[in-house]
Amino acid sequence: MSDAARAEKTRPPFSAVRIDDDIFAAMRRENLARWPTGAEVDIDEAVAYHRAMPAHKNLSAVMRKADSEGRCLTQPRGGFGTLELQLELMRQLDRDGMADVVPTTTDSYTRNEQWEKARTGIEESEKAGRSMLNGFPMVNYGPGVARKLIDSIDKPTIVLSGTSMPKLTCEVGFAAGFTGYLGSGLAYTTSYTKNLSIEDGIRNYQYLDRLAALYQERGVTLHRRQPGFLTGTNIPPCIAIITCIVDALLAAGQG
């Protein structure tokens, strides 16, 4: 059976209904096999790591606490092309920048699932001694290495990946210990790409939200942030509002 045929076999009907457990398990196997670091993802180990994490490093808990207290939180953006540079950035944002939430922005190759090019970008960054990528190539490094970012700081972390294709990045990010992920199917597909259908973009984020629900079922609450409609132009408020509502309902539908 061809890869395309296998993918179609595990592809559920397009709807807002929660993806069946067995189908989602098959989708995960197929997804994790797309790049070598996917083999490092172990959800049981990741759940144990998350459950041992102090509450002040869990973004969902921190957001709820801030909301109950009527406080705003500061969250910058930033990402570099090597582990060493990203470690330095996150430590500085945590300790010197006094950020409440520490980000990891992924690079453009990672956002477009061009991991071979991201690997070249890592090599060029190491040779140049500076970042030649516009973000952190999380999938290339894998969850084991990316966890060093989480362990190096004392704040909650969020993955910022402006993409319509988050499936492998979310697996690696959550397994590494990130407790937040920004993005949604309708908003990010219409905002970031002309080369993917809205249906496929929504499906990709249904995968992400079904994965977040899988962690939730195991006692780990992750923060899922809806970005809103990023057109870069003025639009009628009703369009921006309905986009947020639809994306939120689609996410809730996955659990």
Protein backbone atom coordinates (compact mmCIF):
# COMPACT_ATOMS: atom_id res chain seq x y z
CA MET A 1 0.00 0.00 0.00
CA SER A 2 1.34 3.44 -0.94
CA ASP A 3 1.90 6.19 1.61
CA ALA A 4 -0.97 8.15 0.06
CA ALA A 5 -3.29 5.16 0.34
CA ARG A 6 -2.33 4.59 3.96
CA ALA A 7 -2.92 8.26 4.74
CA GLU A 8 -6.36 8.14 3.12
CA LYS A 9 -7.24 5.01 5.10
CA THR A 10 -6.59 6.77 8.42
CA ARG A 11 -8.28 10.00 7.29
CA PRO A 12 -11.61 10.41 9.11
CA PRO A 13 -14.61 12.09 7.47
CA PHE A 14 -14.39 15.87 7.60
CA SER A 15 -16.57 17.02 10.47
CA ALA A 16 -16.48 18.70 13.87
CA VAL A 17 -16.95 15.33 15.57
CA ARG A 18 -14.19 14.10 17.85
CA ILE A 19 -11.73 11.78 16.10
CA ASP A 20 -12.21 8.14 17.11
CA ASP A 21 -9.55 6.70 19.43
CA ASP A 22 -8.40 3.95 17.07
CA ILE A 23 -8.29 6.26 14.07
CA PHE A 24 -6.33 8.84 16.03
CA ALA A 25 -3.84 6.21 17.18
CA ALA A 26 -3.25 5.28 13.53
CA MET A 27 -2.93 8.96 12.58
CA ARG A 28 -0.31 9.44 15.29
CA ARG A 29 1.74 6.46 14.12
CA GLU A 30 1.71 7.79 10.57
CA ASN A 31 2.57 11.34 11.67
CA LEU A 32 5.43 10.40 14.01
CA ALA A 33 7.04 8.30 11.27
CA ARG A 34 7.54 11.34 9.02
CA TRP A 35 10.82 12.46 10.65
CA PRO A 36 13.32 10.46 12.77
CA THR A 37 12.78 12.47 15.96
CA GLY A 38 9.13 11.45 15.93
CA ALA A 39 10.29 8.06 17.22
CA GLU A 40 11.42 9.78 20.44
CA VAL A 41 7.87 10.82 21.35
CA ASP A 42 6.62 8.71 24.27
CA ILE A 43 3.35 10.07 25.58
CA ASP A 44 3.48 8.05 28.81
CA GLU A 45 6.92 9.44 29.63
CA ALA A 46 5.81 12.92 28.61
CA VAL A 47 2.72 12.74 30.83
CA ALA A 48 4.86 11.71 33.79
CA TYR A 49 7.17 14.67 33.15
CA HIS A 50 4.26 17.11 32.90
CA ARG A 51 2.59 15.78 36.04
CA ALA A 52 5.81 16.23 38.00
CA MET A 53 6.12 19.82 36.78
CA PRO A 54 5.37 22.56 39.36
CA ALA A 55 2.12 24.44 38.76
CA HIS A 56 3.93 27.73 38.13
CA LYS A 57 5.46 26.21 34.97
CA ASN A 58 2.12 25.04 33.56
CA LEU A 59 0.73 27.75 31.29
CA SER A 60 -2.89 26.70 31.72
CA ALA A 61 -2.61 27.00 35.51
CA VAL A 62 -0.75 30.30 35.27
CA MET A 63 -3.33 31.78 32.88
CA ARG A 64 -6.23 30.74 35.11
CA LYS A 65 -4.56 32.20 38.19
CA ALA A 66 -3.81 35.49 36.42
CA ASP A 67 -7.40 35.70 35.18
CA SER A 68 -8.82 35.12 38.66
CA GLU A 69 -6.55 37.86 40.02
CA GLY A 70 -7.26 40.30 37.18
CA ARG A 71 -3.61 40.42 36.11
CA CYS A 72 -2.08 40.73 32.64
CA LEU A 73 0.89 38.55 31.72
CA THR A 74 3.88 39.54 29.60
CA GLN A 75 4.91 37.25 26.77
CA PRO A 76 7.55 38.21 24.20
CA ARG A 77 8.31 36.32 21.00
CA GLY A 78 11.61 34.88 19.88
CA GLY A 79 13.46 31.96 18.38
CA PHE A 80 16.98 31.13 17.20
CA GLY A 81 18.41 28.45 14.95
CA THR A 82 20.52 26.46 17.43
CA LEU A 83 19.92 24.95 20.83
CA GLU A 84 22.66 27.03 22.46
CA LEU A 85 21.26 30.33 21.17
CA GLN A 86 17.71 29.38 22.10
CA LEU A 87 18.82 28.40 25.60
CA GLU A 88 20.53 31.76 26.03
CA LEU A 89 17.45 33.62 24.77
CA MET A 90 15.01 31.81 27.03
CA ARG A 91 17.19 32.17 30.11
CA GLN A 92 17.52 35.90 29.51
CA LEU A 93 13.79 36.34 28.97
CA ASP A 94 13.12 34.39 32.16
CA ARG A 95 15.67 36.00 34.46
CA ASP A 96 16.57 39.40 33.03
CA GLY A 97 13.54 40.13 30.84
CA MET A 98 11.13 39.12 33.62
CA ALA A 99 8.73 37.55 31.12
CA ASP A 100 5.72 35.80 32.65
CA VAL A 101 5.54 33.38 29.72
CA VAL A 102 8.64 32.31 27.79
CA PRO A 103 8.17 31.60 24.06
CA THR A 104 9.80 29.41 21.48
CA THR A 105 9.07 30.65 17.97
CA THR A 106 9.78 28.07 15.27
CA ASP A 107 11.55 28.85 12.00
CA SER A 108 9.83 29.13 8.62
CA TYR A 109 11.14 25.78 7.35
CA THR A 110 9.68 24.02 10.39
CA ARG A 111 6.38 25.83 9.91
CA ASN A 112 6.23 24.48 6.36
CA GLU A 113 7.46 20.97 7.24
CA GLN A 114 10.70 21.43 5.27
CA TRP A 115 12.86 19.68 7.83
CA GLU A 116 15.72 18.90 5.46
CA LYS A 117 16.15 22.63 4.84
CA ALA A 118 15.89 23.30 8.57
CA ARG A 119 18.72 20.82 9.14
CA THR A 120 20.86 22.74 6.67
CA GLY A 121 19.93 25.93 8.50
CA ILE A 122 21.17 24.46 11.78
CA GLU A 123 24.48 23.51 10.19
CA GLU A 124 24.89 26.97 8.64
CA SER A 125 24.02 28.63 11.96
CA GLU A 126 26.65 26.58 13.78
CA LYS A 127 29.29 27.46 11.18
CA ALA A 128 28.41 31.16 11.22
CA GLY A 129 28.19 31.41 14.99
CA ARG A 130 24.83 33.16 14.68
CA SER A 131 21.31 32.20 13.78
CA MET A 132 20.69 31.72 10.07
CA LEU A 133 17.10 30.67 10.78
CA ASN A 134 14.24 32.88 11.92
CA GLY A 135 13.26 30.55 14.74
CA PHE A 136 14.00 27.31 16.55
CA PRO A 137 13.87 24.09 14.46
CA MET A 138 12.09 22.07 17.13
CA VAL A 139 11.29 18.99 15.06
CA ASN A 140 14.90 18.57 13.97
CA TYR A 141 16.16 18.68 17.55
CA GLY A 142 13.42 16.41 18.88
CA PRO A 143 11.72 16.24 22.28
CA GLY A 144 14.72 15.02 24.26
CA VAL A 145 16.94 17.93 23.26
CA ALA A 146 14.11 20.48 23.33
CA ARG A 147 13.37 19.51 26.92
CA LYS A 148 16.63 21.19 27.90
CA LEU A 149 14.87 24.47 27.13
CA ILE A 150 12.11 23.66 29.60
CA ASP A 151 14.53 22.54 32.29
CA SER A 152 16.66 25.67 31.93
CA ILE A 153 13.97 28.14 33.03
CA ASP A 154 11.40 28.56 35.79
CA LYS A 155 8.45 29.90 33.80
CA PRO A 156 5.71 28.38 31.65
CA THR A 157 6.51 27.96 27.96
CA ILE A 158 4.51 28.21 24.74
CA VAL A 159 5.20 27.11 21.17
CA LEU A 160 4.65 29.92 18.66
CA SER A 161 4.53 28.40 15.20
CA GLY A 162 2.65 30.43 12.61
CA THR A 163 1.61 27.47 10.51
CA SER A 164 -1.27 25.55 9.04
CA MET A 165 0.74 22.34 9.55
CA PRO A 166 1.35 21.88 13.29
CA LYS A 167 1.02 18.11 13.63
CA LEU A 168 4.62 17.01 14.19
CA THR A 169 5.67 20.21 15.93
CA CYS A 170 2.92 19.81 18.52
CA GLU A 171 3.89 16.19 19.17
CA VAL A 172 7.52 17.17 19.74
CA GLY A 173 6.63 20.31 21.71
CA PHE A 174 4.23 18.65 24.13
CA ALA A 175 6.55 15.66 24.58
CA ALA A 176 9.40 18.05 25.35
CA GLY A 177 7.38 19.73 28.10
CA PHE A 178 5.92 22.85 26.50
CA THR A 179 2.55 23.54 28.10
CA GLY A 180 1.08 25.94 25.54
CA TYR A 181 0.55 26.09 21.78
CA LEU A 182 -0.71 29.02 19.70
CA GLY A 183 -2.69 28.48 16.52
CA SER A 184 -5.98 27.34 14.98
CA GLY A 185 -7.14 25.83 11.74
CA LEU A 186 -9.32 28.46 10.14
CA ALA A 187 -7.32 31.50 11.27
CA TYR A 188 -3.84 30.19 10.52
CA THR A 189 -4.65 28.52 7.21
CA THR A 190 -6.26 31.64 5.78
CA SER A 191 -3.56 33.87 7.26
CA TYR A 192 -0.38 31.96 6.43
CA THR A 193 -0.75 29.96 3.23
CA LYS A 194 -2.31 29.79 -0.22
CA ASN A 195 -1.06 26.25 -0.83
CA LEU A 196 -3.23 24.30 1.61
CA SER A 197 -7.00 24.01 1.60
CA ILE A 198 -8.95 25.33 4.55
CA GLU A 199 -10.26 21.80 5.09
CA ASP A 200 -6.75 20.39 5.43
CA GLY A 201 -5.71 23.23 7.73
CA ILE A 202 -8.69 22.58 10.00
CA ARG A 203 -7.92 18.85 9.98
CA ASN A 204 -4.34 19.57 11.03
CA TYR A 205 -5.47 21.61 14.02
CA GLN A 206 -8.10 19.03 14.92
CA TYR A 207 -5.16 16.66 15.26
CA LEU A 208 -3.40 19.10 17.59
CA ASP A 209 -6.50 19.59 19.73
CA ARG A 210 -7.19 15.85 19.83
CA LEU A 211 -3.61 15.41 21.07
CA ALA A 212 -4.13 18.05 23.77
CA ALA A 213 -7.27 16.16 24.82
CA LEU A 214 -5.23 12.94 24.99
CA TYR A 215 -2.95 14.62 27.51
CA GLN A 216 -5.99 15.99 29.35
CA GLU A 217 -7.39 12.47 29.69
CA ARG A 218 -4.13 11.52 31.39
CA GLY A 219 -4.29 14.36 33.88
CA VAL A 220 -2.25 17.01 32.04
CA THR A 221 -3.98 20.28 31.15
CA LEU A 222 -2.34 22.14 28.27
CA HIS A 223 -3.03 25.70 27.15
CA ARG A 224 -4.46 26.07 23.64
CA ARG A 225 -4.52 29.66 22.42
CA GLN A 226 -6.70 30.91 19.59
CA PRO A 227 -4.86 33.59 17.58
CA GLY A 228 -7.71 35.45 15.95
CA PHE A 229 -7.81 36.39 12.27
CA LEU A 230 -4.39 37.69 11.17
CA THR A 231 -5.11 39.41 7.86
CA GLY A 232 -2.83 42.39 8.38
CA THR A 233 -5.65 44.56 7.02
CA ASN A 234 -8.83 46.08 8.37
CA ILE A 235 -11.77 43.67 8.20
CA PRO A 236 -15.34 43.81 9.49
CA PRO A 237 -15.32 42.82 13.19
CA CYS A 238 -17.95 40.16 12.52
CA ILE A 239 -15.47 38.20 10.37
CA ALA A 240 -12.78 38.31 13.05
CA ILE A 241 -15.26 37.31 15.75
CA ILE A 242 -16.83 34.42 13.86
CA THR A 243 -13.38 33.07 12.96
CA CYS A 244 -12.46 32.91 16.65
CA ILE A 245 -15.79 31.30 17.57
CA VAL A 246 -15.59 28.63 14.86
CA ASP A 247 -11.98 27.76 15.72
CA ALA A 248 -12.82 27.55 19.43
CA LEU A 249 -15.78 25.26 18.75
CA LEU A 250 -13.66 23.04 16.48
CA ALA A 251 -11.04 22.75 19.23
CA ALA A 252 -13.64 21.97 21.89
CA GLY A 253 -15.10 19.32 19.62
CA GLN A 254 -11.88 17.31 19.92
CA GLY A 255 -12.14 17.22 23.69
